[in-house]
Amino acid sequence: MTDVPLDPPMAVDPEVAAIDAAFVLPTYARLPLQIVSGSGSEVVGVDGRRYLDFVTGLSVCNFGHCHPRMVAAIQRQAAQLIHTSNLFLTEPQAQLARRLSRLANGGRVFFANSGAEANECALKIARKWGRERGGGSIVYLEHSFHGRTMGTLSATGQPSKQEPFGLPLPGYRMLPRHDIGALRSVFAQEPVAAFIAEPVQGESGVHPLGAAYLQEAQALCARHDALFIMDEVQTGLGRCGAPFAYMRYDLDPHVVTLAKSLAGGLPMGAAIARGKAEGVLLAGEHGTTFGGGPVPAAAALAVLDLLEEEGLGRRVEEAGRRLEDWLQRLVDVGAATDVRRLGLMAAVDLVEPRAREAVSAGMDRGILVNATSETTLRFLPPLTVTDEEIDRVGEVLLWFVGAERG
């Protein structure tokens, strides 16, 4: 294999690993890599080795690690005001709300600290909307993921994650993905308060729902006075080649949720209530101590500046096609069965259940990718990724399946 360095296995600090094992709840299956710093498309391990990062904190560091503009904005705000309370006004939060509203073509914003909290706000809007109209279920899709709180996990279409906690809560209804007939049937047979979906299901392996299905869901919501909610936690802010992925499908949701890349690595989520959803929640009906704090808001303003100035839509699509071409080669040599992509959000299904083995082999060679199952690899590179970086990952993948280019 050409131009792909073969490095020894990565390391962790044994003392840090022991502390982690002793004092952190074991809710994560950690990979054997301890990261100490990052810059641009790369992170550095505790052993000093550099890794090309095609995980980006699970679609968080869209402009790479420690972008100088973001670092400067965070430092400047932290030296002025770190926290007060949502009992008081702060300019960064107000400015950010205006910017997000304009980006979404209207709406009012609730700020939270994560995607789950942003979706929890959306679900509370939906529950109240339904109660005021005599009830109605919240419709969600099989294989979806909206968070790990009790409410958002109730709307997550993965029974294995729900069952240990006796979920879903009453009032939630799961439907098969892409099944327009089932969607029409549930709206015809029972009251529906809201429909919630990701434009591209990310955690289940990058499954775009497509324009036809989502446009039908939106039309049914309009016909039955239900809310149409788009979870853009992973897909938003340029990841799919547009400010929001729903814009690629000509949709007009009542609630849009954001997090992950919003503050570029600081904890922040947002729910943008639009149209008839704007006035549902009243004073005292929802809140948070830290949501929209000055420092993450300053970071988010820097992210929006970069998104606006870089104009990455065309570049995201070009880079996405290049990555897709590499993944398609795995199909061509018989090592994979399917490739899915929207913008710079891509996945490939391997023929053999070797995805986690591929992750380990990639780390040995200085690249980081993500396995969403035993057969599926997911790729979430920074939006600023270069052709050379994409080619490096492609070379490693072809080497892994035994189809190195001659």
Protein backbone atom coordinates (compact mmCIF):
# COMPACT_ATOMS: atom_id res chain seq x y z
CA MET A 1 0.00 0.00 0.00
CA THR A 2 1.47 3.34 -1.02
CA ASP A 3 1.75 6.48 1.12
CA VAL A 4 0.05 4.96 4.18
CA PRO A 5 2.39 4.75 7.20
CA LEU A 6 2.28 1.61 9.30
CA ASP A 7 2.64 2.63 12.94
CA PRO A 8 2.75 0.53 16.11
CA PRO A 9 -0.44 0.17 18.19
CA MET A 10 -1.58 3.27 20.07
CA ALA A 11 -1.23 3.67 23.83
CA VAL A 12 -2.99 5.12 26.83
CA ASP A 13 -1.48 6.30 30.07
CA PRO A 14 -1.99 3.30 32.42
CA GLU A 15 -2.56 5.58 35.41
CA VAL A 16 -5.26 7.56 33.62
CA ALA A 17 -6.88 4.34 32.39
CA ALA A 18 -6.93 2.98 35.95
CA ILE A 19 -8.51 6.16 37.30
CA ASP A 20 -11.13 6.08 34.54
CA ALA A 21 -11.95 2.44 35.28
CA ALA A 22 -12.27 3.10 39.00
CA PHE A 23 -14.26 6.33 39.04
CA VAL A 24 -16.19 6.79 35.76
CA LEU A 25 -19.46 4.93 35.26
CA PRO A 26 -18.85 2.24 32.62
CA THR A 27 -21.40 3.54 30.11
CA TYR A 28 -18.89 3.80 27.24
CA ALA A 29 -16.95 1.11 25.40
CA ARG A 30 -13.78 3.15 25.04
CA LEU A 31 -11.25 2.69 22.27
CA PRO A 32 -7.59 2.24 23.29
CA LEU A 33 -6.57 5.80 22.50
CA GLN A 34 -5.99 8.72 24.87
CA ILE A 35 -6.15 12.05 23.06
CA VAL A 36 -4.28 15.04 24.48
CA SER A 37 -4.55 17.73 21.79
CA GLY A 38 -5.95 18.52 18.37
CA SER A 39 -5.44 20.94 15.49
CA GLY A 40 -7.30 21.08 12.20
CA SER A 41 -8.06 17.59 10.89
CA GLU A 42 -5.73 15.85 13.33
CA VAL A 43 -5.60 14.85 16.98
CA VAL A 44 -2.53 13.83 18.97
CA GLY A 45 -2.40 10.81 21.26
CA VAL A 46 -0.69 10.62 24.62
CA ASP A 47 2.18 8.84 22.87
CA GLY A 48 2.73 11.83 20.57
CA ARG A 49 1.35 10.14 17.45
CA ARG A 50 -0.95 12.07 15.13
CA TYR A 51 -4.28 10.73 13.87
CA LEU A 52 -6.38 11.94 10.96
CA ASP A 53 -9.83 12.39 12.50
CA PHE A 54 -12.84 11.32 10.43
CA VAL A 55 -15.03 11.16 13.54
CA THR A 56 -14.71 14.82 14.62
CA GLY A 57 -16.24 14.18 18.02
CA LEU A 58 -19.28 12.65 16.25
CA SER A 59 -19.89 15.59 13.91
CA VAL A 60 -18.95 18.23 16.47
CA CYS A 61 -15.68 19.76 15.23
CA ASN A 62 -16.94 20.67 11.76
CA PHE A 63 -14.16 23.23 11.26
CA GLY A 64 -11.50 21.00 12.73
CA HIS A 65 -9.97 20.99 16.18
CA CYS A 66 -9.12 24.23 18.00
CA HIS A 67 -9.83 26.57 15.11
CA PRO A 68 -8.01 29.85 15.91
CA ARG A 69 -11.16 31.95 15.45
CA MET A 70 -13.06 29.80 17.93
CA VAL A 71 -10.22 29.73 20.44
CA ALA A 72 -9.95 33.53 20.31
CA ALA A 73 -13.71 34.00 20.76
CA ILE A 74 -13.79 31.64 23.74
CA GLN A 75 -10.79 33.25 25.41
CA ARG A 76 -12.12 36.76 24.87
CA GLN A 77 -15.55 35.96 26.34
CA ALA A 78 -14.14 33.89 29.23
CA ALA A 79 -12.05 36.87 30.29
CA GLN A 80 -15.16 39.09 30.32
CA LEU A 81 -18.08 36.98 31.62
CA ILE A 82 -18.32 33.21 31.99
CA HIS A 83 -21.78 32.77 33.49
CA THR A 84 -24.67 34.68 34.95
CA SER A 85 -28.19 33.23 34.66
CA ASN A 86 -31.08 33.23 32.25
CA LEU A 87 -32.73 35.60 34.69
CA PHE A 88 -30.60 38.27 32.98
CA LEU A 89 -29.87 39.30 29.41
CA THR A 90 -26.51 38.64 27.78
CA GLU A 91 -25.58 39.96 24.36
CA PRO A 92 -23.93 36.76 22.99
CA GLN A 93 -27.13 34.76 23.57
CA ALA A 94 -29.37 37.41 22.02
CA GLN A 95 -27.12 37.81 18.98
CA LEU A 96 -26.90 34.04 18.53
CA ALA A 97 -30.69 33.65 18.68
CA ARG A 98 -31.09 36.26 15.95
CA ARG A 99 -28.44 34.60 13.77
CA LEU A 100 -30.03 31.14 14.14
CA SER A 101 -33.50 32.51 13.45
CA ARG A 102 -32.30 34.13 10.25
CA LEU A 103 -30.44 30.97 9.22
CA ALA A 104 -33.65 28.96 9.66
CA ASN A 105 -35.80 31.60 7.90
CA GLY A 106 -37.60 32.56 11.08
CA GLY A 107 -38.35 31.31 14.57
CA ARG A 108 -37.55 31.82 18.24
CA VAL A 109 -34.84 29.88 20.03
CA PHE A 110 -34.56 27.95 23.29
CA PHE A 111 -30.96 27.23 24.27
CA ALA A 112 -29.90 24.02 26.00
CA ASN A 113 -26.66 22.12 26.63
CA SER A 114 -26.97 19.10 24.33
CA GLY A 115 -28.90 17.54 21.50
CA ALA A 116 -30.97 15.47 23.91
CA GLU A 117 -32.01 18.62 25.78
CA ALA A 118 -32.84 20.42 22.54
CA ASN A 119 -35.01 17.48 21.48
CA GLU A 120 -36.56 17.33 24.96
CA CYS A 121 -37.69 20.91 24.44
CA ALA A 122 -39.16 19.98 21.05
CA LEU A 123 -41.02 17.05 22.60
CA LYS A 124 -42.42 19.25 25.39
CA ILE A 125 -43.70 21.64 22.75
CA ALA A 126 -45.29 18.68 20.97
CA ARG A 127 -46.86 17.23 24.13
CA LYS A 128 -48.40 20.55 25.10
CA TRP A 129 -49.58 21.13 21.54
CA GLY A 130 -51.30 17.75 21.55
CA ARG A 131 -52.87 18.14 25.01
CA GLU A 132 -54.41 21.46 24.02
CA ARG A 133 -56.06 19.68 21.08
CA GLY A 134 -57.42 16.67 22.93
CA GLY A 135 -54.37 14.42 22.86
CA GLY A 136 -52.38 12.70 20.20
CA SER A 137 -49.24 10.62 19.92
CA ILE A 138 -45.72 11.63 18.98
CA VAL A 139 -44.77 9.62 15.90
CA TYR A 140 -41.13 8.59 15.51
CA LEU A 141 -39.25 6.19 13.27
CA GLU A 142 -37.59 2.82 13.63
CA HIS A 143 -33.78 3.08 13.86
CA SER A 144 -33.93 6.76 14.86
CA PHE A 145 -31.90 8.32 17.66
CA HIS A 146 -32.95 11.50 19.47
CA GLY A 147 -31.18 11.26 22.84
CA ARG A 148 -30.93 9.37 26.12
CA THR A 149 -33.26 11.30 28.42
CA MET A 150 -36.54 9.58 29.29
CA GLY A 151 -38.45 11.65 26.75
CA THR A 152 -35.97 11.52 23.89
CA LEU A 153 -35.26 7.82 24.43
CA SER A 154 -39.02 7.25 24.20
CA ALA A 155 -38.79 8.75 20.70
CA THR A 156 -35.71 6.71 19.76
CA GLY A 157 -36.54 3.79 17.50
CA GLN A 158 -34.13 1.32 19.08
CA PRO A 159 -35.99 -1.01 21.48
CA SER A 160 -32.74 -2.42 22.88
CA LYS A 161 -31.96 1.04 24.28
CA GLN A 162 -35.52 1.57 25.56
CA GLU A 163 -36.23 -1.79 27.21
CA PRO A 164 -33.90 -1.52 30.27
CA PHE A 165 -35.82 1.57 31.40
CA GLY A 166 -39.38 0.45 30.65
CA LEU A 167 -39.71 2.81 27.71
CA PRO A 168 -41.26 4.23 25.65
CA LEU A 169 -43.47 6.40 27.81
CA PRO A 170 -47.17 6.48 26.91
CA GLY A 171 -48.03 8.63 23.93
CA TYR A 172 -45.21 7.61 21.59
CA ARG A 173 -45.75 5.64 18.38
CA MET A 174 -42.93 4.05 16.32
CA LEU A 175 -43.29 3.51 12.57
CA PRO A 176 -41.07 1.71 10.03
CA ARG A 177 -38.54 3.89 8.26
CA HIS A 178 -39.50 4.95 4.69
CA ASP A 179 -42.96 3.30 4.90
CA ILE A 180 -45.32 5.95 3.53
CA GLY A 181 -48.28 3.57 3.79
CA ALA A 182 -47.76 3.10 7.53
CA LEU A 183 -47.39 6.85 7.94
CA ARG A 184 -50.67 7.56 6.17
CA SER A 185 -52.41 4.83 8.13
CA VAL A 186 -51.49 6.15 11.58
CA PHE A 187 -52.59 9.69 10.70
CA ALA A 188 -55.89 8.32 9.37
CA GLN A 189 -56.62 6.11 12.38
CA GLU A 190 -55.61 8.16 15.44
CA PRO A 191 -54.80 11.70 16.56
CA VAL A 192 -51.17 12.71 16.10
CA ALA A 193 -49.57 15.59 17.99
CA ALA A 194 -46.24 15.60 16.16
CA PHE A 195 -43.88 13.76 13.84
CA ILE A 196 -40.15 13.82 14.68
CA ALA A 197 -37.31 12.57 12.49
CA GLU A 198 -33.69 13.11 11.52
CA PRO A 199 -33.32 14.06 7.83
CA VAL A 200 -30.48 11.54 7.84
CA GLN A 201 -30.50 8.85 10.52
CA GLY A 202 -26.94 9.04 11.76
CA GLU A 203 -26.38 6.61 14.60
CA SER A 204 -28.02 3.75 12.72
CA GLY A 205 -25.56 4.10 9.86
CA VAL A 206 -26.32 7.22 7.75
CA HIS A 207 -29.74 6.56 6.22
CA PRO A 208 -31.14 9.62 4.38
CA LEU A 209 -34.93 9.62 4.63
CA GLY A 210 -35.26 11.39 1.29
CA ALA A 211 -37.49 14.13 -0.06
CA ALA A 212 -40.53 12.02 -0.99
CA TYR A 213 -40.97 10.48 2.46
CA LEU A 214 -40.35 13.66 4.45
CA GLN A 215 -42.52 15.80 2.19
CA GLU A 216 -45.38 13.34 2.67
CA ALA A 217 -44.86 13.43 6.45
CA GLN A 218 -44.94 17.23 6.39
CA ALA A 219 -48.11 17.25 4.28
CA LEU A 220 -49.84 14.85 6.68
CA CYS A 221 -48.84 17.03 9.64
CA ALA A 222 -50.29 20.09 7.90
CA ARG A 223 -53.51 18.25 7.08
CA HIS A 224 -53.99 16.99 10.64
CA ASP A 225 -52.72 20.06 12.55
CA ALA A 226 -49.69 18.19 13.92
CA LEU A 227 -46.21 19.59 14.42
CA PHE A 228 -43.42 18.61 12.03
CA ILE A 229 -40.08 18.38 13.88
CA MET A 230 -36.65 18.03 12.28
CA ASP A 231 -33.77 16.80 14.45
CA GLU A 232 -30.69 18.44 12.89
CA VAL A 233 -28.39 17.68 15.83
CA GLN A 234 -25.95 15.74 13.62
CA THR A 235 -26.94 16.98 10.16
CA GLY A 236 -27.15 20.73 10.72
CA LEU A 237 -24.79 23.65 10.08
CA GLY A 238 -23.21 22.56 6.83
CA ARG A 239 -22.64 18.85 7.42
CA CYS A 240 -25.00 17.90 4.58
CA GLY A 241 -24.08 20.75 2.23
CA ALA A 242 -26.71 23.26 3.39
CA PRO A 243 -27.30 25.23 6.61
CA PHE A 244 -29.85 22.54 7.51
CA ALA A 245 -30.32 19.19 5.79
CA TYR A 246 -34.10 19.71 5.62
CA MET A 247 -33.46 22.59 3.21
CA ARG A 248 -32.19 20.08 0.65
CA TYR A 249 -35.65 18.49 0.71
CA ASP A 250 -37.66 21.74 0.45
CA LEU A 251 -39.21 21.33 3.91
CA ASP A 252 -40.58 23.90 6.37
CA PRO A 253 -40.55 22.39 9.89
CA HIS A 254 -42.28 23.80 12.96
CA VAL A 255 -39.34 22.93 15.23
CA VAL A 256 -35.67 22.48 14.32
CA THR A 257 -33.17 21.15 16.85
CA LEU A 258 -29.40 21.67 16.85
CA ALA A 259 -26.39 20.76 18.97
CA LYS A 260 -23.07 18.97 18.28
CA SER A 261 -21.29 21.37 15.89
CA LEU A 262 -23.23 24.43 17.08
CA ALA A 263 -20.52 25.59 19.52
CA GLY A 264 -17.72 23.62 17.90
CA GLY A 265 -16.97 21.45 20.92
CA LEU A 266 -18.49 23.34 23.84
CA PRO A 267 -21.79 21.98 25.18
CA MET A 268 -24.72 23.74 23.52
CA GLY A 269 -28.06 22.78 22.03
CA ALA A 270 -30.88 24.80 20.53
CA ALA A 271 -34.51 24.29 19.61
CA ILE A 272 -35.85 26.74 17.04
CA ALA A 273 -39.65 27.01 17.28
CA ARG A 274 -41.18 28.32 14.09
CA GLY A 275 -44.62 29.36 12.94
CA LYS A 276 -47.43 27.95 15.07
CA ALA A 277 -44.91 26.32 17.44
CA GLU A 278 -43.42 29.67 18.51
CA GLY A 279 -46.04 30.52 21.10
CA VAL A 280 -46.60 27.11 22.70
CA LEU A 281 -44.23 27.30 25.69
CA LEU A 282 -44.83 30.14 28.13
CA ALA A 283 -42.74 31.67 30.91
CA GLY A 284 -41.92 29.07 33.57
CA GLU A 285 -42.83 26.06 31.42
CA HIS A 286 -39.25 25.25 30.43
CA GLY A 287 -35.80 26.38 31.45
CA THR A 288 -32.15 25.60 32.11
CA THR A 289 -29.34 26.98 34.23
CA PHE A 290 -26.53 26.85 31.67
CA GLY A 291 -28.26 26.92 28.28
CA GLY A 292 -27.09 29.76 26.05
CA GLY A 293 -24.31 30.83 28.41
CA PRO A 294 -21.96 33.59 27.27
CA VAL A 295 -18.93 31.40 26.50
CA PRO A 296 -20.62 28.70 24.38
CA ALA A 297 -22.71 31.41 22.72
CA ALA A 298 -19.53 33.27 21.75
CA ALA A 299 -18.11 30.03 20.35
CA ALA A 300 -21.31 29.41 18.38
CA LEU A 301 -21.19 32.91 16.90
CA ALA A 302 -17.66 32.15 15.70
CA VAL A 303 -18.93 28.90 14.13
CA LEU A 304 -21.68 30.76 12.29
CA ASP A 305 -19.17 33.36 11.09
CA LEU A 306 -16.98 30.59 9.67
CA LEU A 307 -19.95 28.88 8.06
CA GLU A 308 -21.00 32.13 6.41
CA GLU A 309 -17.53 33.22 5.31
CA GLU A 310 -16.27 29.87 4.06
CA GLY A 311 -19.32 29.20 1.88
CA LEU A 312 -18.69 25.47 2.11
CA GLY A 313 -21.76 24.12 0.34
CA ARG A 314 -20.03 23.35 -2.97
CA ARG A 315 -16.84 22.12 -1.30
CA VAL A 316 -18.79 19.81 1.03
CA GLU A 317 -20.50 18.22 -1.96
CA GLU A 318 -17.24 17.86 -3.91
CA ALA A 319 -15.44 16.30 -0.95
CA GLY A 320 -18.44 14.09 -0.24
CA ARG A 321 -18.42 12.76 -3.79
CA ARG A 322 -14.70 12.03 -3.55
CA LEU A 323 -15.23 10.10 -0.31
CA GLU A 324 -18.20 8.28 -1.85
CA ASP A 325 -16.05 7.25 -4.83
CA TRP A 326 -13.53 5.64 -2.48
CA LEU A 327 -16.27 3.81 -0.59
CA GLN A 328 -17.82 2.64 -3.85
CA ARG A 329 -14.52 0.94 -4.68
CA LEU A 330 -15.12 -1.33 -1.70
CA VAL A 331 -18.40 -2.36 -3.33
CA ASP A 332 -16.69 -2.81 -6.69
CA VAL A 333 -14.16 -5.29 -5.25
CA GLY A 334 -16.89 -7.24 -3.44
CA ALA A 335 -15.97 -6.12 0.08
CA ALA A 336 -19.07 -3.96 0.67
CA THR A 337 -22.73 -4.01 -0.26
CA ASP A 338 -23.94 -0.41 0.00
CA VAL A 339 -22.74 3.20 0.26
CA ARG A 340 -24.92 6.02 1.61
CA ARG A 341 -24.12 9.72 1.73
CA LEU A 342 -25.51 13.23 2.05
CA GLY A 343 -22.89 15.96 1.96
CA LEU A 344 -19.97 14.93 4.18
CA MET A 345 -21.95 12.37 6.12
CA ALA A 346 -21.27 8.91 4.71
CA ALA A 347 -21.37 5.21 5.52
CA VAL A 348 -20.47 1.90 3.93
CA ASP A 349 -21.86 -1.55 4.74
CA LEU A 350 -19.21 -4.28 4.69
CA VAL A 351 -19.96 -7.80 3.48
CA GLU A 352 -18.28 -9.34 6.53
CA PRO A 353 -18.83 -8.24 10.16
CA ARG A 354 -15.42 -6.56 10.38
CA ALA A 355 -16.30 -2.90 10.98
CA ARG A 356 -14.82 -2.77 14.48
CA GLU A 357 -11.73 -4.57 13.21
CA ALA A 358 -11.48 -1.88 10.52
CA VAL A 359 -11.61 0.84 13.19
CA SER A 360 -8.71 -0.79 15.05
CA ALA A 361 -6.70 -1.30 11.86
CA GLY A 362 -7.30 2.33 10.93
CA MET A 363 -6.03 3.54 14.29
CA ASP A 364 -2.90 1.44 13.84
CA ARG A 365 -2.32 3.43 10.65
CA GLY A 366 -3.20 6.82 12.03
CA ILE A 367 -6.82 7.34 10.97
CA LEU A 368 -9.98 7.51 13.08
CA VAL A 369 -13.31 6.26 11.73
CA ASN A 370 -16.46 5.07 13.49
CA ALA A 371 -18.34 1.75 13.46
CA THR A 372 -22.10 2.04 14.03
CA SER A 373 -22.55 -1.75 13.90
CA GLU A 374 -20.54 -4.89 13.19
CA THR A 375 -20.86 -4.25 9.45
CA THR A 376 -21.20 -0.46 9.05
CA LEU A 377 -18.50 2.22 9.03
CA ARG A 378 -19.48 5.88 9.38
CA PHE A 379 -17.41 8.84 8.19
CA LEU A 380 -17.81 12.38 9.57
CA PRO A 381 -14.71 14.32 8.45
CA PRO A 382 -14.30 18.04 9.08
CA LEU A 383 -16.00 20.17 6.46
CA THR A 384 -12.58 21.60 5.62
CA VAL A 385 -11.12 18.17 4.78
CA THR A 386 -8.64 18.09 1.88
CA ASP A 387 -8.58 15.74 -1.09
CA GLU A 388 -5.29 14.34 0.17
CA GLU A 389 -6.82 13.49 3.53
CA ILE A 390 -9.76 11.73 1.89
CA ASP A 391 -7.37 9.78 -0.32
CA ARG A 392 -5.36 8.69 2.70
CA VAL A 393 -8.44 7.22 4.35
CA GLY A 394 -9.47 5.57 1.09
CA GLU A 395 -6.05 3.94 0.74
CA VAL A 396 -6.29 2.48 4.24
CA LEU A 397 -9.77 1.09 3.56
CA LEU A 398 -8.67 -0.60 0.35
CA TRP A 399 -5.64 -2.03 2.12
CA PHE A 400 -7.88 -3.36 4.89
CA VAL A 401 -10.13 -5.30 2.52
CA GLY A 402 -7.13 -6.60 0.59
CA ALA A 403 -7.70 -4.55 -2.53
CA GLU A 404 -4.75 -2.16 -2.46
CA ARG A 405 -4.30 -0.14 -5.59
CA GLY A 406 -1.45 -1.25 -7.82
